PDB file of N, CA and C in Angstrom:
ATOM      1  N   MET A   1      -1.708 -20.268 -24.186  1.00  0.00           N
ATOM      2  CA  MET A   1      -1.935 -19.519 -22.910  1.00  0.00           C
ATOM      3  C   MET A   1      -2.561 -20.427 -21.856  1.00  0.00           C
ATOM      4  N   ALA A   2      -1.780 -20.867 -20.830  1.00  0.00           N
ATOM      5  CA  ALA A   2      -2.130 -22.217 -19.632  1.00  0.00           C
ATOM      6  C   ALA A   2      -3.225 -21.233 -18.937  1.00  0.00           C
ATOM      7  N   GLN A   3      -4.381 -22.108 -18.542  1.00  0.00           N
ATOM      8  CA  GLN A   3      -5.250 -21.310 -17.617  1.00  0.00           C
ATOM      9  C   GLN A   3      -5.501 -22.126 -16.201  1.00  0.00           C
ATOM     10  N   THR A   4      -5.526 -21.237 -15.785  1.00  0.00           N
ATOM     11  CA  THR A   4      -5.493 -21.865 -14.090  1.00  0.00           C
ATOM     12  C   THR A   4      -6.920 -22.114 -13.640  1.00  0.00           C
ATOM     13  N   GLN A   5      -6.838 -23.252 -13.046  1.00  0.00           N
ATOM     14  CA  GLN A   5      -7.846 -23.969 -12.327  1.00  0.00           C
ATOM     15  C   GLN A   5      -8.086 -23.471 -10.830  1.00  0.00           C
ATOM     16  N   PHE A   6      -9.373 -23.211 -10.733  1.00  0.00           N
ATOM     17  CA  PHE A   6      -9.531 -22.639  -9.273  1.00  0.00           C
ATOM     18  C   PHE A   6     -10.709 -23.611  -8.425  1.00  0.00           C
ATOM     19  N   THR A   7     -10.518 -24.023  -7.417  1.00  0.00           N
ATOM     20  CA  THR A   7     -11.368 -24.914  -6.640  1.00  0.00           C
ATOM     21  C   THR A   7     -11.624 -24.273  -5.385  1.00  0.00           C
ATOM     22  N   ARG A   8     -12.849 -24.633  -4.762  1.00  0.00           N
ATOM     23  CA  ARG A   8     -13.383 -24.166  -3.639  1.00  0.00           C
ATOM     24  C   ARG A   8     -13.182 -25.772  -2.993  1.00  0.00           C
ATOM     25  N   SER A   9     -12.741 -25.115  -1.407  1.00  0.00           N
ATOM     26  CA  SER A   9     -12.502 -25.897  -0.343  1.00  0.00           C
ATOM     27  C   SER A   9     -13.652 -25.332   1.072  1.00  0.00           C
ATOM     28  N   SER A  10     -13.755 -26.491   1.572  1.00  0.00           N
ATOM     29  CA  SER A  10     -15.023 -26.317   2.313  1.00  0.00           C
ATOM     30  C   SER A  10     -14.208 -25.421   3.805  1.00  0.00           C
ATOM     31  N   GLU A  11     -13.051 -25.402   4.234  1.00  0.00           N
ATOM     32  CA  GLU A  11     -12.743 -24.479   5.126  1.00  0.00           C
ATOM     33  C   GLU A  11     -12.283 -23.546   4.829  1.00  0.00           C
ATOM     34  N   SER A  12     -11.746 -23.430   3.520  1.00  0.00           N
ATOM     35  CA  SER A  12     -11.470 -21.930   3.398  1.00  0.00           C
ATOM     36  C   SER A  12     -12.179 -21.207   1.956  1.00  0.00           C
ATOM     37  N   ASP A  13     -11.945 -20.404   2.003  1.00  0.00           N
ATOM     38  CA  ASP A  13     -13.266 -19.439   0.373  1.00  0.00           C
ATOM     39  C   ASP A  13     -12.698 -18.333   0.538  1.00  0.00           C
ATOM     40  N   ALA A  14     -11.601 -17.641   0.419  1.00  0.00           N
ATOM     41  CA  ALA A  14     -10.802 -16.562   0.153  1.00  0.00           C
ATOM     42  C   ALA A  14     -11.554 -16.055  -1.026  1.00  0.00           C
ATOM     43  N   TRP A  15     -11.814 -16.828  -2.323  1.00  0.00           N
ATOM     44  CA  TRP A  15     -12.851 -16.076  -3.493  1.00  0.00           C
ATOM     45  C   TRP A  15     -14.308 -15.680  -3.106  1.00  0.00           C
ATOM     46  N   ALA A  16     -14.315 -15.875  -2.312  1.00  0.00           N
ATOM     47  CA  ALA A  16     -15.829 -15.433  -1.656  1.00  0.00           C
ATOM     48  C   ALA A  16     -16.015 -14.197  -1.265  1.00  0.00           C
ATOM     49  N   LEU A  17     -15.030 -14.379  -0.602  1.00  0.00           N
ATOM     50  CA  LEU A  17     -14.411 -12.549  -0.401  1.00  0.00           C
ATOM     51  C   LEU A  17     -15.431 -12.019   1.006  1.00  0.00           C
ATOM     52  N   LEU A  18     -16.489 -12.020   0.528  1.00  0.00           N
ATOM     53  CA  LEU A  18     -17.512 -11.645   1.643  1.00  0.00           C
ATOM     54  C   LEU A  18     -18.722 -12.419   1.628  1.00  0.00           C
ATOM     55  N   SER A  19     -19.145 -12.782   2.904  1.00  0.00           N
ATOM     56  CA  SER A  19     -20.848 -13.431   3.424  1.00  0.00           C
ATOM     57  C   SER A  19     -21.624 -12.833   3.611  1.00  0.00           C
ATOM     58  N   LEU A  20     -22.299 -12.607   2.771  1.00  0.00           N
ATOM     59  CA  LEU A  20     -23.631 -11.740   3.394  1.00  0.00           C
ATOM     60  C   LEU A  20     -24.749 -12.656   3.598  1.00  0.00           C
ATOM     61  N   LYS A  21     -25.954 -12.227   4.464  1.00  0.00           N
ATOM     62  CA  LYS A  21     -27.271 -13.038   4.524  1.00  0.00           C
ATOM     63  C   LYS A  21     -28.039 -12.730   3.448  1.00  0.00           C
ATOM     64  N   SER A  22     -27.835 -11.454   2.745  1.00  0.00           N
ATOM     65  CA  SER A  22     -28.840 -11.403   1.669  1.00  0.00           C
ATOM     66  C   SER A  22     -28.205 -11.285   0.647  1.00  0.00           C
ATOM     67  N   PRO A  23     -28.970 -12.068  -0.537  1.00  0.00           N
ATOM     68  CA  PRO A  23     -28.081 -12.430  -2.095  1.00  0.00           C
ATOM     69  C   PRO A  23     -27.690 -10.998  -2.397  1.00  0.00           C
ATOM     70  N   PRO A  24     -26.425 -10.861  -3.077  1.00  0.00           N
ATOM     71  CA  PRO A  24     -26.309  -9.977  -3.913  1.00  0.00           C
ATOM     72  C   PRO A  24     -27.195  -9.048  -4.974  1.00  0.00           C
ATOM     73  N   SER A  25     -27.358  -8.542  -5.341  1.00  0.00           N
ATOM     74  CA  SER A  25     -28.286  -7.993  -6.324  1.00  0.00           C
ATOM     75  C   SER A  25     -28.145  -8.317  -7.535  1.00  0.00           C
ATOM     76  N   PRO A  26     -29.335  -8.266  -8.192  1.00  0.00           N
ATOM     77  CA  PRO A  26     -29.367  -8.884  -9.689  1.00  0.00           C
ATOM     78  C   PRO A  26     -28.151  -7.980 -10.137  1.00  0.00           C
ATOM     79  N   SER A  27     -27.774  -8.355 -11.360  1.00  0.00           N
ATOM     80  CA  SER A  27     -26.922  -7.640 -12.307  1.00  0.00           C
ATOM     81  C   SER A  27     -27.848  -7.272 -13.783  1.00  0.00           C
ATOM     82  N   LYS A  28     -27.480  -6.497 -14.335  1.00  0.00           N
ATOM     83  CA  LYS A  28     -27.770  -5.780 -15.674  1.00  0.00           C
ATOM     84  C   LYS A  28     -26.693  -6.805 -16.734  1.00  0.00           C
ATOM     85  N   VAL A  29     -27.576  -7.508 -17.430  1.00  0.00           N
ATOM     86  CA  VAL A  29     -26.793  -7.978 -18.525  1.00  0.00           C
ATOM     87  C   VAL A  29     -26.472  -7.329 -19.837  1.00  0.00           C
ATOM     88  N   GLN A  30     -25.546  -7.249 -20.471  1.00  0.00           N
ATOM     89  CA  GLN A  30     -25.144  -6.111 -21.434  1.00  0.00           C
ATOM     90  C   GLN A  30     -24.340  -7.526 -22.761  1.00  0.00           C
ATOM     91  N   TRP A  31     -25.321  -7.309 -23.734  1.00  0.00           N
ATOM     92  CA  TRP A  31     -24.482  -7.753 -24.828  1.00  0.00           C
ATOM     93  C   TRP A  31     -23.482  -7.404 -25.702  1.00  0.00           C
ATOM     94  N   ALA A  32     -22.118  -7.662 -25.920  1.00  0.00           N
ATOM     95  CA  ALA A  32     -21.165  -7.002 -26.427  1.00  0.00           C
ATOM     96  C   ALA A  32     -21.018  -7.459 -27.603  1.00  0.00           C
ATOM     97  N   GLN A  33     -20.462  -6.397 -28.265  1.00  0.00           N
ATOM     98  CA  GLN A  33     -20.524  -6.686 -29.875  1.00  0.00           C
ATOM     99  C   GLN A  33     -19.401  -7.380 -30.304  1.00  0.00           C
ATOM    100  N   GLU A  34     -18.651  -7.446 -29.814  1.00  0.00           N
ATOM    101  CA  GLU A  34     -17.294  -8.041 -29.676  1.00  0.00           C
ATOM    102  C   GLU A  34     -17.507  -9.233 -28.791  1.00  0.00           C
ATOM    103  N   PRO A  35     -16.630 -10.542 -29.162  1.00  0.00           N
ATOM    104  CA  PRO A  35     -16.366 -11.602 -28.048  1.00  0.00           C
ATOM    105  C   PRO A  35     -15.352 -11.225 -27.189  1.00  0.00           C
ATOM    106  N   SER A  36     -15.846 -10.917 -25.938  1.00  0.00           N
ATOM    107  CA  SER A  36     -14.888 -11.275 -24.767  1.00  0.00           C
ATOM    108  C   SER A  36     -14.076 -11.606 -24.483  1.00  0.00           C
ATOM    109  N   PRO A  37     -12.868 -10.765 -24.002  1.00  0.00           N
ATOM    110  CA  PRO A  37     -11.391 -11.727 -23.767  1.00  0.00           C
ATOM    111  C   PRO A  37     -11.645 -12.777 -23.021  1.00  0.00           C
ATOM    112  N   ILE A  38     -10.833 -13.777 -23.051  1.00  0.00           N
ATOM    113  CA  ILE A  38     -10.595 -14.780 -22.498  1.00  0.00           C
ATOM    114  C   ILE A  38     -10.421 -14.572 -20.981  1.00  0.00           C
ATOM    115  N   ALA A  39     -11.196 -15.138 -20.340  1.00  0.00           N
ATOM    116  CA  ALA A  39     -11.389 -15.213 -18.661  1.00  0.00           C
ATOM    117  C   ALA A  39      -9.738 -15.847 -18.051  1.00  0.00           C
ATOM    118  N   ILE A  40      -9.479 -14.845 -17.437  1.00  0.00           N
ATOM    119  CA  ILE A  40      -8.293 -15.267 -16.495  1.00  0.00           C
ATOM    120  C   ILE A  40      -8.197 -15.756 -15.186  1.00  0.00           C
ATOM    121  N   ALA A  41      -9.468 -15.690 -14.865  1.00  0.00           N
ATOM    122  CA  ALA A  41      -9.581 -16.506 -13.178  1.00  0.00           C
ATOM    123  C   ALA A  41     -11.236 -16.629 -12.865  1.00  0.00           C
ATOM    124  N   ARG A  42     -11.706 -17.094 -12.366  1.00  0.00           N
ATOM    125  CA  ARG A  42     -13.159 -17.208 -11.952  1.00  0.00           C
ATOM    126  C   ARG A  42     -12.916 -16.393 -10.439  1.00  0.00           C
ATOM    127  N   LEU A  43     -14.245 -15.908 -10.262  1.00  0.00           N
ATOM    128  CA  LEU A  43     -14.443 -15.296  -8.793  1.00  0.00           C
ATOM    129  C   LEU A  43     -15.598 -16.387  -8.170  1.00  0.00           C
ATOM    130  N   ASP A  44     -15.599 -17.216  -7.481  1.00  0.00           N
ATOM    131  CA  ASP A  44     -16.750 -17.953  -6.855  1.00  0.00           C
ATOM    132  C   ASP A  44     -17.344 -17.949  -5.654  1.00  0.00           C
ATOM    133  N   GLY A  45     -18.563 -17.144  -5.536  1.00  0.00           N
ATOM    134  CA  GLY A  45     -19.552 -16.584  -4.350  1.00  0.00           C
ATOM    135  C   GLY A  45     -20.347 -17.931  -4.173  1.00  0.00           C
ATOM    136  N   ARG A  46     -21.102 -17.665  -3.029  1.00  0.00           N
ATOM    137  CA  ARG A  46     -22.242 -18.344  -2.453  1.00  0.00           C
ATOM    138  C   ARG A  46     -23.321 -18.707  -3.375  1.00  0.00           C
ATOM    139  N   ASP A  47     -23.109 -16.995  -4.137  1.00  0.00           N
ATOM    140  CA  ASP A  47     -24.876 -17.180  -4.905  1.00  0.00           C
ATOM    141  C   ASP A  47     -24.109 -16.847  -6.346  1.00  0.00           C
ATOM    142  N   PHE A  48     -23.318 -16.773  -6.608  1.00  0.00           N
ATOM    143  CA  PHE A  48     -22.775 -16.430  -8.243  1.00  0.00           C
ATOM    144  C   PHE A  48     -21.129 -16.570  -8.304  1.00  0.00           C
ATOM    145  N   GLU A  49     -20.981 -16.509  -9.674  1.00  0.00           N
ATOM    146  CA  GLU A  49     -20.063 -16.854 -10.503  1.00  0.00           C
ATOM    147  C   GLU A  49     -19.348 -15.623 -11.117  1.00  0.00           C
ATOM    148  N   TYR A  50     -18.139 -15.028 -11.205  1.00  0.00           N
ATOM    149  CA  TYR A  50     -17.970 -13.721 -12.089  1.00  0.00           C
ATOM    150  C   TYR A  50     -16.683 -14.466 -12.734  1.00  0.00           C
ATOM    151  N   LEU A  51     -16.521 -14.305 -13.692  1.00  0.00           N
ATOM    152  CA  LEU A  51     -15.619 -14.644 -15.057  1.00  0.00           C
ATOM    153  C   LEU A  51     -14.577 -12.998 -14.632  1.00  0.00           C
ATOM    154  N   ILE A  52     -13.576 -13.413 -14.315  1.00  0.00           N
ATOM    155  CA  ILE A  52     -12.671 -12.327 -14.073  1.00  0.00           C
ATOM    156  C   ILE A  52     -11.779 -12.183 -15.794  1.00  0.00           C
ATOM    157  N   ARG A  53     -12.095 -10.980 -16.808  1.00  0.00           N
ATOM    158  CA  ARG A  53     -11.385 -10.741 -17.825  1.00  0.00           C
ATOM    159  C   ARG A  53     -10.628  -9.613 -17.913  1.00  0.00           C
ATOM    160  N   GLN A  54     -10.279  -8.741 -16.784  1.00  0.00           N
ATOM    161  CA  GLN A  54      -9.530  -7.612 -17.298  1.00  0.00           C
ATOM    162  C   GLN A  54      -8.597  -7.759 -15.898  1.00  0.00           C
ATOM    163  N   LYS A  55      -7.558  -6.820 -15.712  1.00  0.00           N
ATOM    164  CA  LYS A  55      -6.369  -6.775 -14.645  1.00  0.00           C
ATOM    165  C   LYS A  55      -7.098  -6.619 -13.590  1.00  0.00           C
ATOM    166  N   ARG A  56      -7.866  -5.359 -13.435  1.00  0.00           N
ATOM    167  CA  ARG A  56      -8.517  -5.026 -12.087  1.00  0.00           C
ATOM    168  C   ARG A  56     -10.013  -4.944 -11.892  1.00  0.00           C
ATOM    169  N   VAL A  57     -10.658  -5.562 -10.928  1.00  0.00           N
ATOM    170  CA  VAL A  57     -11.687  -5.571 -10.492  1.00  0.00           C
ATOM    171  C   VAL A  57     -12.418  -4.839  -9.450  1.00  0.00           C
ATOM    172  N   ILE A  58     -12.920  -4.392  -9.352  1.00  0.00           N
ATOM    173  CA  ILE A  58     -13.772  -3.707  -8.706  1.00  0.00           C
ATOM    174  C   ILE A  58     -14.631  -4.265  -7.832  1.00  0.00           C
ATOM    175  N   ILE A  59     -14.699  -4.572  -6.499  1.00  0.00           N
ATOM    176  CA  ILE A  59     -16.053  -5.410  -5.718  1.00  0.00           C
ATOM    177  C   ILE A  59     -16.489  -4.544  -4.340  1.00  0.00           C
ATOM    178  N   GLY A  60     -17.720  -4.388  -4.831  1.00  0.00           N
ATOM    179  CA  GLY A  60     -18.799  -3.621  -3.680  1.00  0.00           C
ATOM    180  C   GLY A  60     -19.690  -3.135  -3.981  1.00  0.00           C
ATOM    181  N   ARG A  61     -20.486  -2.046  -3.534  1.00  0.00           N
ATOM    182  CA  ARG A  61     -22.043  -1.837  -3.884  1.00  0.00           C
ATOM    183  C   ARG A  61     -21.975  -0.556  -4.608  1.00  0.00           C
ATOM    184  N   ASN A  62     -23.215  -1.205  -5.896  1.00  0.00           N
ATOM    185  CA  ASN A  62     -23.502  -0.085  -7.162  1.00  0.00           C
ATOM    186  C   ASN A  62     -24.055   1.005  -5.807  1.00  0.00           C
ATOM    187  N   SER A  63     -23.864   2.636  -6.736  1.00  0.00           N
ATOM    188  CA  SER A  63     -24.367   3.297  -6.155  1.00  0.00           C
ATOM    189  C   SER A  63     -24.810   4.559  -7.448  1.00  0.00           C
ATOM    190  N   SER A  64     -25.381   5.651  -6.717  1.00  0.00           N
ATOM    191  CA  SER A  64     -25.494   6.567  -7.522  1.00  0.00           C
ATOM    192  C   SER A  64     -24.324   7.313  -8.124  1.00  0.00           C
ATOM    193  N   ARG A  65     -22.898   7.169  -7.516  1.00  0.00           N
ATOM    194  CA  ARG A  65     -21.913   7.463  -8.009  1.00  0.00           C
ATOM    195  C   ARG A  65     -21.069   6.732  -8.991  1.00  0.00           C
ATOM    196  N   GLY A  66     -21.918   5.328  -8.795  1.00  0.00           N
ATOM    197  CA  GLY A  66     -21.402   4.702 -10.094  1.00  0.00           C
ATOM    198  C   GLY A  66     -21.385   3.121  -9.785  1.00  0.00           C
ATOM    199  N   GLN A  67     -21.407   2.580 -11.083  1.00  0.00           N
ATOM    200  CA  GLN A  67     -20.909   0.724 -10.759  1.00  0.00           C
ATOM    201  C   GLN A  67     -19.692   0.232 -10.243  1.00  0.00           C
ATOM    202  N   VAL A  68     -19.868  -0.654  -9.898  1.00  0.00           N
ATOM    203  CA  VAL A  68     -18.234  -1.546  -9.607  1.00  0.00           C
ATOM    204  C   VAL A  68     -18.948  -2.934 -10.529  1.00  0.00           C
ATOM    205  N   ASP A  69     -17.731  -3.683 -10.591  1.00  0.00           N
ATOM    206  CA  ASP A  69     -17.914  -4.694 -10.915  1.00  0.00           C
ATOM    207  C   ASP A  69     -18.360  -5.861 -10.710  1.00  0.00           C
ATOM    208  N   VAL A  70     -18.147  -6.052  -9.377  1.00  0.00           N
ATOM    209  CA  VAL A  70     -19.163  -7.437  -9.099  1.00  0.00           C
ATOM    210  C   VAL A  70     -19.827  -6.496  -7.440  1.00  0.00           C
ATOM    211  N   ASN A  71     -20.821  -6.302  -7.879  1.00  0.00           N
ATOM    212  CA  ASN A  71     -22.044  -5.763  -7.058  1.00  0.00           C
ATOM    213  C   ASN A  71     -22.314  -7.091  -5.714  1.00  0.00           C
ATOM    214  N   MET A  72     -21.919  -6.482  -4.537  1.00  0.00           N
ATOM    215  CA  MET A  72     -21.985  -7.809  -3.437  1.00  0.00           C
ATOM    216  C   MET A  72     -23.454  -7.059  -2.369  1.00  0.00           C
ATOM    217  N   GLY A  73     -24.310  -6.218  -2.995  1.00  0.00           N
ATOM    218  CA  GLY A  73     -25.672  -5.705  -2.174  1.00  0.00           C
ATOM    219  C   GLY A  73     -25.942  -4.565  -2.047  1.00  0.00           C
ATOM    220  N   HIS A  74     -26.635  -4.239  -1.274  1.00  0.00           N
ATOM    221  CA  HIS A  74     -26.959  -2.544  -0.660  1.00  0.00           C
ATOM    222  C   HIS A  74     -26.463  -2.620   0.825  1.00  0.00           C
ATOM    223  N   SER A  75     -25.993  -3.632   1.697  1.00  0.00           N
ATOM    224  CA  SER A  75     -25.770  -3.537   2.833  1.00  0.00           C
ATOM    225  C   SER A  75     -24.746  -2.526   3.171  1.00  0.00           C
ATOM    226  N   SER A  76     -24.884  -1.658   4.065  1.00  0.00           N
ATOM    227  CA  SER A  76     -24.143  -0.555   5.085  1.00  0.00           C
ATOM    228  C   SER A  76     -22.806  -1.148   5.083  1.00  0.00           C
ATOM    229  N   PHE A  77     -22.549  -2.503   5.330  1.00  0.00           N
ATOM    230  CA  PHE A  77     -21.247  -2.867   5.460  1.00  0.00           C
ATOM    231  C   PHE A  77     -20.750  -3.046   4.425  1.00  0.00           C
ATOM    232  N   ILE A  78     -20.894  -2.853   3.028  1.00  0.00           N
ATOM    233  CA  ILE A  78     -20.096  -3.031   2.279  1.00  0.00           C
ATOM    234  C   ILE A  78     -20.201  -1.545   1.420  1.00  0.00           C
ATOM    235  N   SER A  79     -18.745  -1.034   1.392  1.00  0.00           N
ATOM    236  CA  SER A  79     -18.356   0.005   1.073  1.00  0.00           C
ATOM    237  C   SER A  79     -18.659  -0.048  -0.821  1.00  0.00           C
ATOM    238  N   ARG A  80     -18.963   1.438  -1.102  1.00  0.00           N
ATOM    239  CA  ARG A  80     -18.987   1.366  -2.731  1.00  0.00           C
ATOM    240  C   ARG A  80     -17.995   0.977  -3.337  1.00  0.00           C
ATOM    241  N   ARG A  81     -16.652   0.870  -3.067  1.00  0.00           N
ATOM    242  CA  ARG A  81     -15.259   0.341  -3.878  1.00  0.00           C
ATOM    243  C   ARG A  81     -14.518  -0.245  -2.379  1.00  0.00           C
ATOM    244  N   HIS A  82     -15.253  -1.711  -1.994  1.00  0.00           N
ATOM    245  CA  HIS A  82     -15.007  -2.612  -0.930  1.00  0.00           C
ATOM    246  C   HIS A  82     -13.416  -2.689  -1.205  1.00  0.00           C
ATOM    247  N   LEU A  83     -13.345  -3.766  -2.154  1.00  0.00           N
ATOM    248  CA  LEU A  83     -11.887  -4.020  -2.007  1.00  0.00           C
ATOM    249  C   LEU A  83     -11.603  -3.983  -3.620  1.00  0.00           C
ATOM    250  N   GLU A  84     -10.409  -4.600  -3.853  1.00  0.00           N
ATOM    251  CA  GLU A  84      -9.806  -4.411  -5.331  1.00  0.00           C
ATOM    252  C   GLU A  84      -9.237  -5.218  -5.962  1.00  0.00           C
ATOM    253  N   LEU A  85      -9.426  -6.368  -6.822  1.00  0.00           N
ATOM    254  CA  LEU A  85      -8.438  -7.249  -7.171  1.00  0.00           C
ATOM    255  C   LEU A  85      -7.808  -7.046  -8.159  1.00  0.00           C
ATOM    256  N   PHE A  86      -6.513  -7.357  -8.349  1.00  0.00           N
ATOM    257  CA  PHE A  86      -5.651  -7.012  -9.349  1.00  0.00           C
ATOM    258  C   PHE A  86      -4.768  -8.474  -9.646  1.00  0.00           C
ATOM    259  N   TYR A  87      -4.693  -8.228 -10.939  1.00  0.00           N
ATOM    260  CA  TYR A  87      -3.702  -9.425 -11.334  1.00  0.00           C
ATOM    261  C   TYR A  87      -1.891  -8.832 -11.931  1.00  0.00           C
ATOM    262  N   ASP A  88      -1.558  -9.666 -11.548  1.00  0.00           N
ATOM    263  CA  ASP A  88       0.081  -8.832 -11.835  1.00  0.00           C
ATOM    264  C   ASP A  88       0.614 -10.267 -12.458  1.00  0.00           C
ATOM    265  N   HIS A  89       0.788 -10.515 -13.581  1.00  0.00           N
ATOM    266  CA  HIS A  89       1.522 -12.245 -13.692  1.00  0.00           C
ATOM    267  C   HIS A  89       2.479 -12.474 -13.264  1.00  0.00           C
ATOM    268  N   PRO A  90       2.339 -13.740 -12.414  1.00  0.00           N
ATOM    269  CA  PRO A  90       1.400 -14.762 -12.900  1.00  0.00           C
ATOM    270  C   PRO A  90       0.552 -14.706 -11.108  1.00  0.00           C
ATOM    271  N   GLU A  91       0.786 -13.708 -10.595  1.00  0.00           N
ATOM    272  CA  GLU A  91      -0.546 -13.607  -9.115  1.00  0.00           C
ATOM    273  C   GLU A  91      -1.417 -12.599  -9.233  1.00  0.00           C
ATOM    274  N   PHE A  92      -1.937 -13.115  -8.368  1.00  0.00           N
ATOM    275  CA  PHE A  92      -3.308 -11.904  -7.702  1.00  0.00           C
ATOM    276  C   PHE A  92      -3.318 -11.838  -6.696  1.00  0.00           C
ATOM    277  N   TYR A  93      -3.878 -10.067  -6.406  1.00  0.00           N
ATOM    278  CA  TYR A  93      -3.234  -9.542  -5.526  1.00  0.00           C
ATOM    279  C   TYR A  93      -4.743  -8.898  -4.644  1.00  0.00           C
ATOM    280  N   LEU A  94      -5.250  -8.073  -3.770  1.00  0.00           N
ATOM    281  CA  LEU A  94      -6.355  -7.902  -2.848  1.00  0.00           C
ATOM    282  C   LEU A  94      -6.018  -6.838  -2.342  1.00  0.00           C
ATOM    283  N   THR A  95      -6.516  -5.376  -2.726  1.00  0.00           N
ATOM    284  CA  THR A  95      -6.488  -4.097  -1.742  1.00  0.00           C
ATOM    285  C   THR A  95      -7.615  -4.071  -1.043  1.00  0.00           C
ATOM    286  N   CYS A  96      -7.447  -3.676   0.012  1.00  0.00           N
ATOM    287  CA  CYS A  96      -8.941  -3.350   0.793  1.00  0.00           C
ATOM    288  C   CYS A  96      -8.887  -1.854   0.832  1.00  0.00           C
ATOM    289  N   ASN A  97     -10.314  -1.166   0.406  1.00  0.00           N
ATOM    290  CA  ASN A  97     -10.599   0.217   0.633  1.00  0.00           C
ATOM    291  C   ASN A  97     -11.508   0.168   1.185  1.00  0.00           C
ATOM    292  N   SER A  98     -11.948  -0.686   1.871  1.00  0.00           N
ATOM    293  CA  SER A  98     -13.225  -0.274   3.284  1.00  0.00           C
ATOM    294  C   SER A  98     -12.664   0.109   4.716  1.00  0.00           C
ATOM    295  N   LYS A  99     -13.300   0.910   5.242  1.00  0.00           N
ATOM    296  CA  LYS A  99     -12.710   1.536   6.342  1.00  0.00           C
ATOM    297  C   LYS A  99     -13.369  -0.028   7.066  1.00  0.00           C
ATOM    298  N   ASN A 100     -14.511  -0.761   7.023  1.00  0.00           N
ATOM    299  CA  ASN A 100     -15.031  -1.905   7.527  1.00  0.00           C
ATOM    300  C   ASN A 100     -13.675  -2.916   7.620  1.00  0.00           C
ATOM    301  N   GLY A 101     -12.929  -3.340   6.476  1.00  0.00           N
ATOM    302  CA  GLY A 101     -11.972  -4.073   6.253  1.00  0.00           C
ATOM    303  C   GLY A 101     -12.554  -5.124   5.613  1.00  0.00           C
ATOM    304  N   VAL A 102     -12.145  -6.555   5.312  1.00  0.00           N
ATOM    305  CA  VAL A 102     -12.053  -7.804   5.056  1.00  0.00           C
ATOM    306  C   VAL A 102     -11.191  -8.707   5.751  1.00  0.00           C
ATOM    307  N   LEU A 103     -12.235 -10.156   5.763  1.00  0.00           N
ATOM    308  CA  LEU A 103     -11.478 -11.348   6.297  1.00  0.00           C
ATOM    309  C   LEU A 103     -11.415 -11.931   5.010  1.00  0.00           C
ATOM    310  N   VAL A 104     -10.414 -12.435   4.760  1.00  0.00           N
ATOM    311  CA  VAL A 104      -9.531 -13.320   3.876  1.00  0.00           C
ATOM    312  C   VAL A 104      -8.542 -14.631   4.304  1.00  0.00           C
ATOM    313  N   ASP A 105      -9.310 -15.751   4.646  1.00  0.00           N
ATOM    314  CA  ASP A 105      -9.089 -16.979   5.201  1.00  0.00           C
ATOM    315  C   ASP A 105      -8.593 -17.121   6.438  1.00  0.00           C
ATOM    316  N   GLY A 106      -9.374 -15.662   7.404  1.00  0.00           N
ATOM    317  CA  GLY A 106      -8.964 -15.515   8.643  1.00  0.00           C
ATOM    318  C   GLY A 106      -8.019 -14.722   8.782  1.00  0.00           C
ATOM    319  N   VAL A 107      -7.594 -13.707   7.915  1.00  0.00           N
ATOM    320  CA  VAL A 107      -6.547 -12.920   8.262  1.00  0.00           C
ATOM    321  C   VAL A 107      -7.414 -11.423   7.793  1.00  0.00           C
ATOM    322  N   PHE A 108      -7.548 -10.648   8.847  1.00  0.00           N
ATOM    323  CA  PHE A 108      -8.113  -9.455   8.592  1.00  0.00           C
ATOM    324  C   PHE A 108      -7.124  -8.479   7.832  1.00  0.00           C
ATOM    325  N   GLN A 109      -7.931  -8.021   6.982  1.00  0.00           N
ATOM    326  CA  GLN A 109      -7.389  -6.836   5.882  1.00  0.00           C
ATOM    327  C   GLN A 109      -7.546  -5.633   6.350  1.00  0.00           C
ATOM    328  N   ARG A 110      -7.088  -4.506   6.705  1.00  0.00           N
ATOM    329  CA  ARG A 110      -7.260  -2.798   6.406  1.00  0.00           C
ATOM    330  C   ARG A 110      -7.381  -2.395   5.591  1.00  0.00           C
ATOM    331  N   LYS A 111      -8.334  -1.330   5.709  1.00  0.00           N
ATOM    332  CA  LYS A 111      -7.777  -0.145   4.713  1.00  0.00           C
ATOM    333  C   LYS A 111      -6.349   0.237   4.735  1.00  0.00           C
ATOM    334  N   GLY A 112      -5.797   0.651   3.327  1.00  0.00           N
ATOM    335  CA  GLY A 112      -4.245   1.022   3.662  1.00  0.00           C
ATOM    336  C   GLY A 112      -3.379  -0.042   3.697  1.00  0.00           C
ATOM    337  N   SER A 113      -3.791  -1.017   4.416  1.00  0.00           N
ATOM    338  CA  SER A 113      -2.770  -2.162   4.101  1.00  0.00           C
ATOM    339  C   SER A 113      -2.140  -2.671   3.191  1.00  0.00           C
ATOM    340  N   ALA A 114      -0.686  -3.309   3.259  1.00  0.00           N
ATOM    341  CA  ALA A 114      -0.176  -3.401   1.726  1.00  0.00           C
ATOM    342  C   ALA A 114      -0.977  -4.598   1.031  1.00  0.00           C
ATOM    343  N   ALA A 115      -0.752  -4.938  -0.388  1.00  0.00           N
ATOM    344  CA  ALA A 115      -1.727  -5.453  -1.259  1.00  0.00           C
ATOM    345  C   ALA A 115      -1.259  -7.217  -0.492  1.00  0.00           C
ATOM    346  N   MET A 116      -2.179  -7.645  -0.047  1.00  0.00           N
ATOM    347  CA  MET A 116      -2.225  -8.945  -0.511  1.00  0.00           C
ATOM    348  C   MET A 116      -2.211  -9.941  -1.407  1.00  0.00           C
ATOM    349  N   LEU A 117      -0.902 -10.625  -1.388  1.00  0.00           N
ATOM    350  CA  LEU A 117      -1.097 -11.983  -2.356  1.00  0.00           C
ATOM    351  C   LEU A 117      -2.453 -13.170  -2.068  1.00  0.00           C
ATOM    352  N   LEU A 118      -2.672 -13.249  -3.280  1.00  0.00           N
ATOM    353  CA  LEU A 118      -3.858 -14.110  -2.983  1.00  0.00           C
ATOM    354  C   LEU A 118      -3.447 -15.756  -3.306  1.00  0.00           C
ATOM    355  N   PRO A 119      -4.081 -16.435  -2.543  1.00  0.00           N
ATOM    356  CA  PRO A 119      -3.428 -18.089  -2.722  1.00  0.00           C
ATOM    357  C   PRO A 119      -3.934 -18.471  -4.030  1.00  0.00           C
ATOM    358  N   LYS A 120      -3.084 -19.223  -4.154  1.00  0.00           N
ATOM    359  CA  LYS A 120      -3.754 -19.994  -6.189  1.00  0.00           C
ATOM    360  C   LYS A 120      -4.442 -21.044  -5.488  1.00  0.00           C
ATOM    361  N   ARG A 121      -5.522 -21.130  -6.202  1.00  0.00           N
ATOM    362  CA  ARG A 121      -6.608 -22.402  -6.217  1.00  0.00           C
ATOM    363  C   ARG A 121      -6.992 -22.922  -7.474  1.00  0.00           C
TER     364      ARG A 121
END
């Protein structure tokens, strides 16, 4: 299986997805009984790195209603399930679930918009 290499560029940072003044909340480390599946991609943010190991990843903020895969902090501008990344071989797509929307490479995505094909990096 070929692995995809992702790199960051200064002019565009779609993989960070959200820029916050406050850092994300610390996450709880859990030890798996079995080895984790091989990462299919890497999500790089300003203060974190997340290895994507499943076909769907929910990004938002944790709440009493449930946990997300990538917690972006407790800002009221971040929805509980702000956006979803999903993998349909060989492409990644983004779906915005937030009433606030999300800016990706200068393009504003609204809730209910068609899934956006993410560029390969």
